[in-house]
PDB file of all heavy atoms in Angstrom:
ATOM      1  N   THR A   1      -8.493  -4.672   7.663  1.00  0.00           N
ATOM      2  CA  THR A   1      -9.421  -4.621   6.532  1.00  0.00           C
ATOM      3  C   THR A   1     -10.767  -5.203   6.942  1.00  0.00           C
ATOM      4  O   THR A   1     -10.822  -6.241   7.609  1.00  0.00           O
ATOM      5  CB  THR A   1      -8.859  -5.401   5.336  1.00  0.00           C
ATOM      6  OG1 THR A   1      -7.625  -4.791   4.919  1.00  0.00           O
ATOM      7  CG2 THR A   1      -9.830  -5.394   4.168  1.00  0.00           C
ATOM      8  N   VAL A   2     -11.826  -4.531   6.519  1.00  0.00           N
ATOM      9  CA  VAL A   2     -13.178  -5.030   6.742  1.00  0.00           C
ATOM     10  C   VAL A   2     -13.751  -5.486   5.400  1.00  0.00           C
ATOM     11  O   VAL A   2     -13.483  -4.871   4.363  1.00  0.00           O
ATOM     12  CB  VAL A   2     -14.081  -3.959   7.399  1.00  0.00           C
ATOM     13  CG1 VAL A   2     -14.286  -2.757   6.499  1.00  0.00           C
ATOM     14  CG2 VAL A   2     -15.405  -4.553   7.838  1.00  0.00           C
ATOM     15  N   TYR A   3     -14.514  -6.570   5.458  1.00  0.00           N
ATOM     16  CA  TYR A   3     -15.103  -7.157   4.261  1.00  0.00           C
ATOM     17  C   TYR A   3     -16.623  -7.207   4.403  1.00  0.00           C
ATOM     18  O   TYR A   3     -17.151  -7.317   5.518  1.00  0.00           O
ATOM     19  CB  TYR A   3     -14.588  -8.585   4.048  1.00  0.00           C
ATOM     20  CG  TYR A   3     -13.086  -8.684   3.926  1.00  0.00           C
ATOM     21  CD1 TYR A   3     -12.302  -8.934   5.052  1.00  0.00           C
ATOM     22  CD2 TYR A   3     -12.454  -8.512   2.699  1.00  0.00           C
ATOM     23  CE1 TYR A   3     -10.918  -9.025   4.955  1.00  0.00           C
ATOM     24  CE2 TYR A   3     -11.076  -8.604   2.596  1.00  0.00           C
ATOM     25  CZ  TYR A   3     -10.307  -8.857   3.722  1.00  0.00           C
ATOM     26  OH  TYR A   3      -8.945  -8.942   3.620  1.00  0.00           O
ATOM     27  N   LEU A   4     -17.293  -7.157   3.263  1.00  0.00           N
ATOM     28  CA  LEU A   4     -18.738  -7.370   3.229  1.00  0.00           C
ATOM     29  C   LEU A   4     -19.017  -8.368   2.116  1.00  0.00           C
ATOM     30  O   LEU A   4     -18.920  -8.041   0.933  1.00  0.00           O
ATOM     31  CB  LEU A   4     -19.499  -6.066   2.987  1.00  0.00           C
ATOM     32  CG  LEU A   4     -21.021  -6.188   3.091  1.00  0.00           C
ATOM     33  CD1 LEU A   4     -21.425  -6.492   4.545  1.00  0.00           C
ATOM     34  CD2 LEU A   4     -21.709  -4.918   2.614  1.00  0.00           C
ATOM     35  N   GLN A   5     -19.337  -9.589   2.518  1.00  0.00           N
ATOM     36  CA  GLN A   5     -19.722 -10.630   1.572  1.00  0.00           C
ATOM     37  C   GLN A   5     -21.215 -10.481   1.310  1.00  0.00           C
ATOM     38  O   GLN A   5     -22.018 -10.565   2.257  1.00  0.00           O
ATOM     39  CB  GLN A   5     -19.412 -12.019   2.135  1.00  0.00           C
ATOM     40  CG  GLN A   5     -19.932 -13.175   1.284  1.00  0.00           C
ATOM     41  CD  GLN A   5     -19.209 -13.292  -0.037  1.00  0.00           C
ATOM     42  OE1 GLN A   5     -17.990 -13.180  -0.102  1.00  0.00           O
ATOM     43  NE2 GLN A   5     -19.965 -13.513  -1.115  1.00  0.00           N
ATOM     44  N   MET A   6     -21.572 -10.280   0.049  1.00  0.00           N
ATOM     45  CA  MET A   6     -22.969 -10.046  -0.312  1.00  0.00           C
ATOM     46  C   MET A   6     -23.433 -11.160  -1.237  1.00  0.00           C
ATOM     47  O   MET A   6     -22.900 -11.320  -2.340  1.00  0.00           O
ATOM     48  CB  MET A   6     -23.118  -8.686  -0.998  1.00  0.00           C
ATOM     49  CG  MET A   6     -22.567  -7.535  -0.179  1.00  0.00           C
ATOM     50  SD  MET A   6     -22.886  -5.912  -0.923  1.00  0.00           S
ATOM     51  CE  MET A   6     -21.889  -6.021  -2.392  1.00  0.00           C
ATOM     52  N   ASN A   7     -24.407 -11.926  -0.766  1.00  0.00           N
ATOM     53  CA  ASN A   7     -24.959 -13.039  -1.549  1.00  0.00           C
ATOM     54  C   ASN A   7     -26.417 -12.763  -1.893  1.00  0.00           C
ATOM     55  O   ASN A   7     -27.081 -11.934  -1.252  1.00  0.00           O
ATOM     56  CB  ASN A   7     -24.856 -14.340  -0.753  1.00  0.00           C
ATOM     57  CG  ASN A   7     -23.433 -14.744  -0.465  1.00  0.00           C
ATOM     58  OD1 ASN A   7     -22.519 -14.511  -1.262  1.00  0.00           O
ATOM     59  ND2 ASN A   7     -23.214 -15.353   0.694  1.00  0.00           N
ATOM     60  N   ASN A   8     -26.920 -13.489  -2.885  1.00  0.00           N
ATOM     61  CA  ASN A   8     -28.316 -13.365  -3.302  1.00  0.00           C
ATOM     62  C   ASN A   8     -28.707 -11.895  -3.479  1.00  0.00           C
ATOM     63  O   ASN A   8     -29.719 -11.436  -2.945  1.00  0.00           O
ATOM     64  CB  ASN A   8     -29.228 -14.045  -2.284  1.00  0.00           C
ATOM     65  CG  ASN A   8     -30.656 -14.175  -2.769  1.00  0.00           C
ATOM     66  OD1 ASN A   8     -30.918 -14.138  -3.976  1.00  0.00           O
ATOM     67  ND2 ASN A   8     -31.581 -14.320  -1.833  1.00  0.00           N
ATOM     68  N   LEU A   9     -27.903 -11.196  -4.237  1.00  0.00           N
ATOM     69  CA  LEU A   9     -28.140  -9.759  -4.415  1.00  0.00           C
ATOM     70  C   LEU A   9     -29.433  -9.497  -5.164  1.00  0.00           C
ATOM     71  O   LEU A   9     -29.852 -10.272  -6.040  1.00  0.00           O
ATOM     72  CB  LEU A   9     -26.952  -9.131  -5.151  1.00  0.00           C
ATOM     73  CG  LEU A   9     -25.731  -8.900  -4.253  1.00  0.00           C
ATOM     74  CD1 LEU A   9     -24.465  -8.758  -5.071  1.00  0.00           C
ATOM     75  CD2 LEU A   9     -25.949  -7.662  -3.391  1.00  0.00           C
ATOM     76  N   LYS A  10     -30.079  -8.399  -4.803  1.00  0.00           N
ATOM     77  CA  LYS A  10     -31.357  -7.999  -5.373  1.00  0.00           C
ATOM     78  C   LYS A  10     -31.223  -6.621  -6.020  1.00  0.00           C
ATOM     79  O   LYS A  10     -30.342  -5.832  -5.623  1.00  0.00           O
ATOM     80  CB  LYS A  10     -32.417  -7.941  -4.275  1.00  0.00           C
ATOM     81  CG  LYS A  10     -32.587  -9.241  -3.512  1.00  0.00           C
ATOM     82  CD  LYS A  10     -33.588  -9.088  -2.376  1.00  0.00           C
ATOM     83  CE  LYS A  10     -33.758 -10.396  -1.602  1.00  0.00           C
ATOM     84  NZ  LYS A  10     -34.739 -10.257  -0.501  1.00  0.00           N
ATOM     85  N   PRO A  11     -32.074  -6.296  -6.968  1.00  0.00           N
ATOM     86  CA  PRO A  11     -31.994  -4.964  -7.600  1.00  0.00           C
ATOM     87  C   PRO A  11     -32.051  -3.826  -6.578  1.00  0.00           C
ATOM     88  O   PRO A  11     -31.399  -2.791  -6.781  1.00  0.00           O
ATOM     89  CB  PRO A  11     -33.207  -4.958  -8.530  1.00  0.00           C
ATOM     90  CG  PRO A  11     -33.405  -6.399  -8.890  1.00  0.00           C
ATOM     91  CD  PRO A  11     -33.059  -7.168  -7.632  1.00  0.00           C
ATOM     92  N   GLU A  12     -32.782  -4.015  -5.499  1.00  0.00           N
ATOM     93  CA  GLU A  12     -32.880  -2.964  -4.486  1.00  0.00           C
ATOM     94  C   GLU A  12     -31.601  -2.780  -3.673  1.00  0.00           C
ATOM     95  O   GLU A  12     -31.500  -1.840  -2.868  1.00  0.00           O
ATOM     96  CB  GLU A  12     -34.065  -3.215  -3.540  1.00  0.00           C
ATOM     97  CG  GLU A  12     -34.089  -4.587  -2.918  1.00  0.00           C
ATOM     98  CD  GLU A  12     -35.005  -5.551  -3.683  1.00  0.00           C
ATOM     99  OE1 GLU A  12     -34.985  -5.539  -4.928  1.00  0.00           O
ATOM    100  OE2 GLU A  12     -35.726  -6.327  -3.006  1.00  0.00           O
ATOM    101  N   ASP A  13     -30.611  -3.648  -3.883  1.00  0.00           N
ATOM    102  CA  ASP A  13     -29.306  -3.469  -3.252  1.00  0.00           C
ATOM    103  C   ASP A  13     -28.432  -2.496  -4.046  1.00  0.00           C
ATOM    104  O   ASP A  13     -27.341  -2.134  -3.593  1.00  0.00           O
ATOM    105  CB  ASP A  13     -28.568  -4.803  -3.124  1.00  0.00           C
ATOM    106  CG  ASP A  13     -29.258  -5.775  -2.181  1.00  0.00           C
ATOM    107  OD1 ASP A  13     -29.710  -5.334  -1.107  1.00  0.00           O
ATOM    108  OD2 ASP A  13     -29.342  -6.972  -2.524  1.00  0.00           O
ATOM    109  N   THR A  14     -28.890  -2.094  -5.219  1.00  0.00           N
ATOM    110  CA  THR A  14     -28.136  -1.161  -6.044  1.00  0.00           C
ATOM    111  C   THR A  14     -27.925   0.161  -5.315  1.00  0.00           C
ATOM    112  O   THR A  14     -28.882   0.782  -4.852  1.00  0.00           O
ATOM    113  CB  THR A  14     -28.864  -0.906  -7.377  1.00  0.00           C
ATOM    114  OG1 THR A  14     -28.906  -2.123  -8.122  1.00  0.00           O
ATOM    115  CG2 THR A  14     -28.166   0.167  -8.191  1.00  0.00           C
ATOM    116  N   ALA A  15     -26.672   0.562  -5.184  1.00  0.00           N
ATOM    117  CA  ALA A  15     -26.310   1.782  -4.456  1.00  0.00           C
ATOM    118  C   ALA A  15     -24.807   1.975  -4.543  1.00  0.00           C
ATOM    119  O   ALA A  15     -24.073   1.080  -4.991  1.00  0.00           O
ATOM    120  CB  ALA A  15     -26.729   1.673  -2.988  1.00  0.00           C
ATOM    121  N   VAL A  16     -24.356   3.138  -4.084  1.00  0.00           N
ATOM    122  CA  VAL A  16     -22.932   3.336  -3.821  1.00  0.00           C
ATOM    123  C   VAL A  16     -22.704   2.929  -2.364  1.00  0.00           C
ATOM    124  O   VAL A  16     -23.393   3.425  -1.463  1.00  0.00           O
ATOM    125  CB  VAL A  16     -22.495   4.783  -4.061  1.00  0.00           C
ATOM    126  CG1 VAL A  16     -21.002   4.946  -3.739  1.00  0.00           C
ATOM    127  CG2 VAL A  16     -22.788   5.203  -5.496  1.00  0.00           C
ATOM    128  N   TYR A  17     -21.763   2.040  -2.153  1.00  0.00           N
ATOM    129  CA  TYR A  17     -21.467   1.532  -0.822  1.00  0.00           C
ATOM    130  C   TYR A  17     -20.231   2.252  -0.270  1.00  0.00           C
ATOM    131  O   TYR A  17     -19.191   2.327  -0.928  1.00  0.00           O
ATOM    132  CB  TYR A  17     -21.235   0.026  -0.873  1.00  0.00           C
ATOM    133  CG  TYR A  17     -22.521  -0.756  -1.003  1.00  0.00           C
ATOM    134  CD1 TYR A  17     -23.268  -0.703  -2.169  1.00  0.00           C
ATOM    135  CD2 TYR A  17     -23.009  -1.521   0.052  1.00  0.00           C
ATOM    136  CE1 TYR A  17     -24.472  -1.390  -2.281  1.00  0.00           C
ATOM    137  CE2 TYR A  17     -24.198  -2.226  -0.050  1.00  0.00           C
ATOM    138  CZ  TYR A  17     -24.926  -2.148  -1.220  1.00  0.00           C
ATOM    139  OH  TYR A  17     -26.124  -2.829  -1.328  1.00  0.00           O
ATOM    140  N   TYR A  18     -20.379   2.766   0.948  1.00  0.00           N
ATOM    141  CA  TYR A  18     -19.314   3.529   1.593  1.00  0.00           C
ATOM    142  C   TYR A  18     -18.865   2.819   2.863  1.00  0.00           C
ATOM    143  O   TYR A  18     -19.697   2.415   3.688  1.00  0.00           O
ATOM    144  CB  TYR A  18     -19.797   4.930   1.963  1.00  0.00           C
ATOM    145  CG  TYR A  18     -20.097   5.817   0.790  1.00  0.00           C
ATOM    146  CD1 TYR A  18     -21.374   5.847   0.234  1.00  0.00           C
ATOM    147  CD2 TYR A  18     -19.114   6.632   0.239  1.00  0.00           C
ATOM    148  CE1 TYR A  18     -21.658   6.670  -0.846  1.00  0.00           C
ATOM    149  CE2 TYR A  18     -19.389   7.459  -0.834  1.00  0.00           C
ATOM    150  CZ  TYR A  18     -20.665   7.469  -1.369  1.00  0.00           C
ATOM    151  OH  TYR A  18     -20.933   8.286  -2.441  1.00  0.00           O
ATOM    152  N   CYS A  19     -17.572   2.734   3.027  1.00  0.00           N
ATOM    153  CA  CYS A  19     -16.988   2.251   4.262  1.00  0.00           C
ATOM    154  C   CYS A  19     -16.851   3.435   5.225  1.00  0.00           C
ATOM    155  O   CYS A  19     -16.553   4.561   4.795  1.00  0.00           O
ATOM    156  CB  CYS A  19     -15.615   1.658   3.957  1.00  0.00           C
ATOM    157  SG  CYS A  19     -14.735   0.982   5.364  1.00  0.00           S
ATOM    158  N   HIS A  20     -17.080   3.179   6.506  1.00  0.00           N
ATOM    159  CA  HIS A  20     -16.959   4.233   7.509  1.00  0.00           C
ATOM    160  C   HIS A  20     -16.316   3.646   8.761  1.00  0.00           C
ATOM    161  O   HIS A  20     -16.584   2.498   9.133  1.00  0.00           O
ATOM    162  CB  HIS A  20     -18.328   4.821   7.864  1.00  0.00           C
ATOM    163  CG  HIS A  20     -18.258   5.850   8.946  1.00  0.00           C
ATOM    164  ND1 HIS A  20     -18.389   5.516  10.280  1.00  0.00           N
ATOM    165  CD2 HIS A  20     -18.044   7.186   8.899  1.00  0.00           C
ATOM    166  CE1 HIS A  20     -18.251   6.615  11.011  1.00  0.00           C
ATOM    167  NE2 HIS A  20     -18.054   7.639  10.189  1.00  0.00           N
ATOM    168  N   THR A  21     -15.505   4.454   9.441  1.00  0.00           N
ATOM    169  CA  THR A  21     -14.923   4.013  10.688  1.00  0.00           C
ATOM    170  C   THR A  21     -14.706   5.164  11.658  1.00  0.00           C
ATOM    171  O   THR A  21     -14.537   6.316  11.246  1.00  0.00           O
ATOM    172  CB  THR A  21     -13.582   3.289  10.464  1.00  0.00           C
ATOM    173  OG1 THR A  21     -13.195   2.627  11.677  1.00  0.00           O
ATOM    174  CG2 THR A  21     -12.483   4.256  10.052  1.00  0.00           C
ATOM    175  N   VAL A  22     -14.785   4.822  12.936  1.00  0.00           N
ATOM    176  CA  VAL A  22     -14.360   5.726  14.005  1.00  0.00           C
ATOM    177  C   VAL A  22     -13.471   4.930  14.949  1.00  0.00           C
ATOM    178  O   VAL A  22     -13.599   3.708  15.047  1.00  0.00           O
ATOM    179  CB  VAL A  22     -15.533   6.326  14.796  1.00  0.00           C
ATOM    180  CG1 VAL A  22     -16.384   7.208  13.920  1.00  0.00           C
ATOM    181  CG2 VAL A  22     -16.373   5.232  15.442  1.00  0.00           C
ATOM    182  N   MET A  23     -12.609   5.629  15.658  1.00  0.00           N
ATOM    183  CA  MET A  23     -11.790   4.978  16.667  1.00  0.00           C
ATOM    184  C   MET A  23     -12.653   4.637  17.870  1.00  0.00           C
ATOM    185  O   MET A  23     -13.522   5.430  18.264  1.00  0.00           O
ATOM    186  CB  MET A  23     -10.658   5.910  17.087  1.00  0.00           C
ATOM    187  CG  MET A  23      -9.726   5.336  18.135  1.00  0.00           C
ATOM    188  SD  MET A  23      -8.416   6.492  18.593  1.00  0.00           S
ATOM    189  CE  MET A  23      -9.355   7.775  19.389  1.00  0.00           C
ATOM    190  N   GLY A  24     -12.451   3.450  18.422  1.00  0.00           N
ATOM    191  CA  GLY A  24     -13.188   3.060  19.601  1.00  0.00           C
ATOM    192  C   GLY A  24     -14.585   2.556  19.286  1.00  0.00           C
ATOM    193  O   GLY A  24     -14.848   2.013  18.218  1.00  0.00           O
ATOM    194  N   THR A  25     -15.489   2.783  20.237  1.00  0.00           N
ATOM    195  CA  THR A  25     -16.844   2.247  20.134  1.00  0.00           C
ATOM    196  C   THR A  25     -17.853   3.365  19.925  1.00  0.00           C
ATOM    197  O   THR A  25     -17.867   4.327  20.696  1.00  0.00           O
ATOM    198  CB  THR A  25     -17.201   1.445  21.396  1.00  0.00           C
ATOM    199  OG1 THR A  25     -16.242   0.398  21.584  1.00  0.00           O
ATOM    200  CG2 THR A  25     -18.584   0.834  21.259  1.00  0.00           C
ATOM    201  N   LEU A  26     -18.670   3.231  18.907  1.00  0.00           N
ATOM    202  CA  LEU A  26     -19.749   4.174  18.633  1.00  0.00           C
ATOM    203  C   LEU A  26     -21.033   3.368  18.503  1.00  0.00           C
ATOM    204  O   LEU A  26     -21.216   2.623  17.556  1.00  0.00           O
ATOM    205  CB  LEU A  26     -19.472   4.952  17.347  1.00  0.00           C
ATOM    206  CG  LEU A  26     -20.553   5.963  16.927  1.00  0.00           C
ATOM    207  CD1 LEU A  26     -20.677   7.072  17.974  1.00  0.00           C
ATOM    208  CD2 LEU A  26     -20.224   6.560  15.562  1.00  0.00           C
ATOM    209  N   LYS A  27     -21.906   3.563  19.445  1.00  0.00           N
ATOM    210  CA  LYS A  27     -23.173   2.823  19.424  1.00  0.00           C
ATOM    211  C   LYS A  27     -24.324   3.794  19.636  1.00  0.00           C
ATOM    212  O   LYS A  27     -24.155   4.847  20.248  1.00  0.00           O
ATOM    213  CB  LYS A  27     -23.157   1.736  20.508  1.00  0.00           C
ATOM    214  CG  LYS A  27     -22.168   0.607  20.192  1.00  0.00           C
ATOM    215  CD  LYS A  27     -22.369  -0.575  21.105  1.00  0.00           C
ATOM    216  CE  LYS A  27     -21.416  -1.698  20.720  1.00  0.00           C
ATOM    217  NZ  LYS A  27     -21.576  -2.889  21.570  1.00  0.00           N
ATOM    218  N   PRO A  28     -25.510   3.409  19.112  1.00  0.00           N
ATOM    219  CA  PRO A  28     -25.831   2.136  18.476  1.00  0.00           C
ATOM    220  C   PRO A  28     -25.138   1.995  17.119  1.00  0.00           C
ATOM    221  O   PRO A  28     -24.859   2.993  16.438  1.00  0.00           O
ATOM    222  CB  PRO A  28     -27.350   2.192  18.319  1.00  0.00           C
ATOM    223  CG  PRO A  28     -27.681   3.639  18.324  1.00  0.00           C
ATOM    224  CD  PRO A  28     -26.666   4.300  19.216  1.00  0.00           C
ATOM    225  N   LEU A  29     -24.836   0.767  16.742  1.00  0.00           N
ATOM    226  CA  LEU A  29     -24.131   0.517  15.512  1.00  0.00           C
ATOM    227  C   LEU A  29     -24.953   0.916  14.298  1.00  0.00           C
ATOM    228  O   LEU A  29     -26.173   0.730  14.261  1.00  0.00           O
ATOM    229  CB  LEU A  29     -23.781  -0.979  15.405  1.00  0.00           C
ATOM    230  CG  LEU A  29     -22.762  -1.521  16.408  1.00  0.00           C
ATOM    231  CD1 LEU A  29     -22.591  -3.016  16.218  1.00  0.00           C
ATOM    232  CD2 LEU A  29     -21.431  -0.807  16.283  1.00  0.00           C
ATOM    233  N   CYS A  30     -24.212   1.437  13.286  1.00  0.00           N
ATOM    234  CA  CYS A  30     -24.803   1.674  11.979  1.00  0.00           C
ATOM    235  C   CYS A  30     -25.840   2.782  11.938  1.00  0.00           C
ATOM    236  O   CYS A  30     -26.587   2.870  10.965  1.00  0.00           O
ATOM    237  CB  CYS A  30     -25.385   0.390  11.384  1.00  0.00           C
ATOM    238  SG  CYS A  30     -24.254  -0.424  10.204  1.00  0.00           S
ATOM    239  N   VAL A  31     -25.897   3.589  12.939  1.00  0.00           N
ATOM    240  CA  VAL A  31     -26.683   4.820  12.840  1.00  0.00           C
ATOM    241  C   VAL A  31     -25.799   5.857  12.141  1.00  0.00           C
ATOM    242  O   VAL A  31     -24.602   5.930  12.406  1.00  0.00           O
ATOM    243  CB  VAL A  31     -27.099   5.306  14.236  1.00  0.00           C
ATOM    244  CG1 VAL A  31     -27.762   6.681  14.154  1.00  0.00           C
ATOM    245  CG2 VAL A  31     -28.028   4.310  14.887  1.00  0.00           C
ATOM    246  N   HIS A  32     -26.383   6.639  11.247  1.00  0.00           N
ATOM    247  CA  HIS A  32     -25.576   7.608  10.498  1.00  0.00           C
ATOM    248  C   HIS A  32     -24.732   8.429  11.481  1.00  0.00           C
ATOM    249  O   HIS A  32     -25.261   9.048  12.404  1.00  0.00           O
ATOM    250  CB  HIS A  32     -26.479   8.527   9.676  1.00  0.00           C
ATOM    251  CG  HIS A  32     -25.742   9.289   8.625  1.00  0.00           C
ATOM    252  ND1 HIS A  32     -24.805  10.272   8.926  1.00  0.00           N
ATOM    253  CD2 HIS A  32     -25.775   9.225   7.270  1.00  0.00           C
ATOM    254  CE1 HIS A  32     -24.319  10.756   7.815  1.00  0.00           C
ATOM    255  NE2 HIS A  32     -24.886  10.148   6.782  1.00  0.00           N
ATOM    256  N   PRO A  33     -23.421   8.481  11.270  1.00  0.00           N
ATOM    257  CA  PRO A  33     -22.528   9.102  12.251  1.00  0.00           C
ATOM    258  C   PRO A  33     -22.394  10.614  12.129  1.00  0.00           C
ATOM    259  O   PRO A  33     -21.628  11.233  12.875  1.00  0.00           O
ATOM    260  CB  PRO A  33     -21.196   8.443  11.951  1.00  0.00           C
ATOM    261  CG  PRO A  33     -21.249   8.218  10.478  1.00  0.00           C
ATOM    262  CD  PRO A  33     -22.678   7.865  10.170  1.00  0.00           C
ATOM    263  N   GLY A  34     -23.099  11.205  11.183  1.00  0.00           N
ATOM    264  CA  GLY A  34     -22.968  12.639  10.991  1.00  0.00           C
ATOM    265  C   GLY A  34     -21.566  12.999  10.549  1.00  0.00           C
ATOM    266  O   GLY A  34     -21.055  12.423   9.590  1.00  0.00           O
ATOM    267  N   SER A  35     -20.927  13.889  11.257  1.00  0.00           N
ATOM    268  CA  SER A  35     -19.592  14.350  10.885  1.00  0.00           C
ATOM    269  C   SER A  35     -18.484  13.553  11.571  1.00  0.00           C
ATOM    270  O   SER A  35     -17.303  13.835  11.367  1.00  0.00           O
ATOM    271  CB  SER A  35     -19.436  15.819  11.233  1.00  0.00           C
ATOM    272  OG  SER A  35     -19.609  16.009  12.621  1.00  0.00           O
ATOM    273  N   LEU A  36     -18.845  12.557  12.352  1.00  0.00           N
ATOM    274  CA  LEU A  36     -17.840  11.784  13.074  1.00  0.00           C
ATOM    275  C   LEU A  36     -17.156  10.780  12.160  1.00  0.00           C
ATOM    276  O   LEU A  36     -17.781  10.202  11.264  1.00  0.00           O
ATOM    277  CB  LEU A  36     -18.483  11.036  14.245  1.00  0.00           C
ATOM    278  CG  LEU A  36     -19.053  11.866  15.379  1.00  0.00           C
ATOM    279  CD1 LEU A  36     -19.723  10.960  16.406  1.00  0.00           C
ATOM    280  CD2 LEU A  36     -17.973  12.705  16.039  1.00  0.00           C
ATOM    281  N   GLY A  37     -15.882  10.550  12.400  1.00  0.00           N
ATOM    282  CA  GLY A  37     -15.177   9.462  11.748  1.00  0.00           C
ATOM    283  C   GLY A  37     -14.743   9.755  10.325  1.00  0.00           C
ATOM    284  O   GLY A  37     -14.689  10.901   9.877  1.00  0.00           O
ATOM    285  N   TYR A  38     -14.429   8.663   9.626  1.00  0.00           N
ATOM    286  CA  TYR A  38     -13.863   8.749   8.293  1.00  0.00           C
ATOM    287  C   TYR A  38     -14.689   7.913   7.307  1.00  0.00           C
ATOM    288  O   TYR A  38     -15.154   6.825   7.661  1.00  0.00           O
ATOM    289  CB  TYR A  38     -12.427   8.199   8.309  1.00  0.00           C
ATOM    290  CG  TYR A  38     -11.512   8.929   9.263  1.00  0.00           C
ATOM    291  CD1 TYR A  38     -11.451   8.566  10.605  1.00  0.00           C
ATOM    292  CD2 TYR A  38     -10.715   9.985   8.831  1.00  0.00           C
ATOM    293  CE1 TYR A  38     -10.611   9.222  11.486  1.00  0.00           C
ATOM    294  CE2 TYR A  38      -9.876  10.648   9.710  1.00  0.00           C
ATOM    295  CZ  TYR A  38      -9.839  10.267  11.032  1.00  0.00           C
ATOM    296  OH  TYR A  38      -9.019  10.933  11.905  1.00  0.00           O
ATOM    297  N   TRP A  39     -14.795   8.444   6.079  1.00  0.00           N
ATOM    298  CA  TRP A  39     -15.513   7.761   5.014  1.00  0.00           C
ATOM    299  C   TRP A  39     -14.538   7.354   3.907  1.00  0.00           C
ATOM    300  O   TRP A  39     -13.584   8.075   3.615  1.00  0.00           O
ATOM    301  CB  TRP A  39     -16.579   8.668   4.402  1.00  0.00           C
ATOM    302  CG  TRP A  39     -17.722   8.997   5.299  1.00  0.00           C
ATOM    303  CD1 TRP A  39     -17.861  10.101   6.083  1.00  0.00           C
ATOM    304  CD2 TRP A  39     -18.915   8.220   5.496  1.00  0.00           C
ATOM    305  NE1 TRP A  39     -19.055  10.068   6.750  1.00  0.00           N
ATOM    306  CE2 TRP A  39     -19.723   8.928   6.408  1.00  0.00           C
ATOM    307  CE3 TRP A  39     -19.382   7.015   4.979  1.00  0.00           C
ATOM    308  CZ2 TRP A  39     -20.983   8.450   6.822  1.00  0.00           C
ATOM    309  CZ3 TRP A  39     -20.619   6.544   5.394  1.00  0.00           C
ATOM    310  CH2 TRP A  39     -21.408   7.262   6.306  1.00  0.00           C
ATOM    311  N   GLY A  40     -14.829   6.235   3.266  1.00  0.00           N
ATOM    312  CA  GLY A  40     -14.144   5.876   2.048  1.00  0.00           C
ATOM    313  C   GLY A  40     -14.731   6.633   0.873  1.00  0.00           C
ATOM    314  O   GLY A  40     -15.681   7.407   1.020  1.00  0.00           O
ATOM    315  N   GLN A  41     -14.170   6.374  -0.306  1.00  0.00           N
ATOM    316  CA  GLN A  41     -14.584   7.118  -1.498  1.00  0.00           C
ATOM    317  C   GLN A  41     -15.852   6.558  -2.120  1.00  0.00           C
ATOM    318  O   GLN A  41     -16.458   7.215  -2.968  1.00  0.00           O
ATOM    319  CB  GLN A  41     -13.450   7.116  -2.543  1.00  0.00           C
ATOM    320  CG  GLN A  41     -13.341   5.850  -3.378  1.00  0.00           C
ATOM    321  CD  GLN A  41     -12.631   4.715  -2.658  1.00  0.00           C
ATOM    322  OE1 GLN A  41     -12.284   4.803  -1.476  1.00  0.00           O
ATOM    323  NE2 GLN A  41     -12.406   3.626  -3.370  1.00  0.00           N
ATOM    324  N   GLY A  42     -16.251   5.369  -1.714  1.00  0.00           N
ATOM    325  CA  GLY A  42     -17.458   4.750  -2.256  1.00  0.00           C
ATOM    326  C   GLY A  42     -17.157   3.816  -3.412  1.00  0.00           C
ATOM    327  O   GLY A  42     -16.229   4.046  -4.193  1.00  0.00           O
TER     328      GLY A  42
END
């Protein structure tokens, strides 16, 4: 399980948050993966 602790939240943080994963290493980190990997439902 991966967690995201979010403190001092701001109105601009408002969004649908999606979890994403791929097997192994995909870098650079956090660049939109396109069609690779798996997404959560948000």
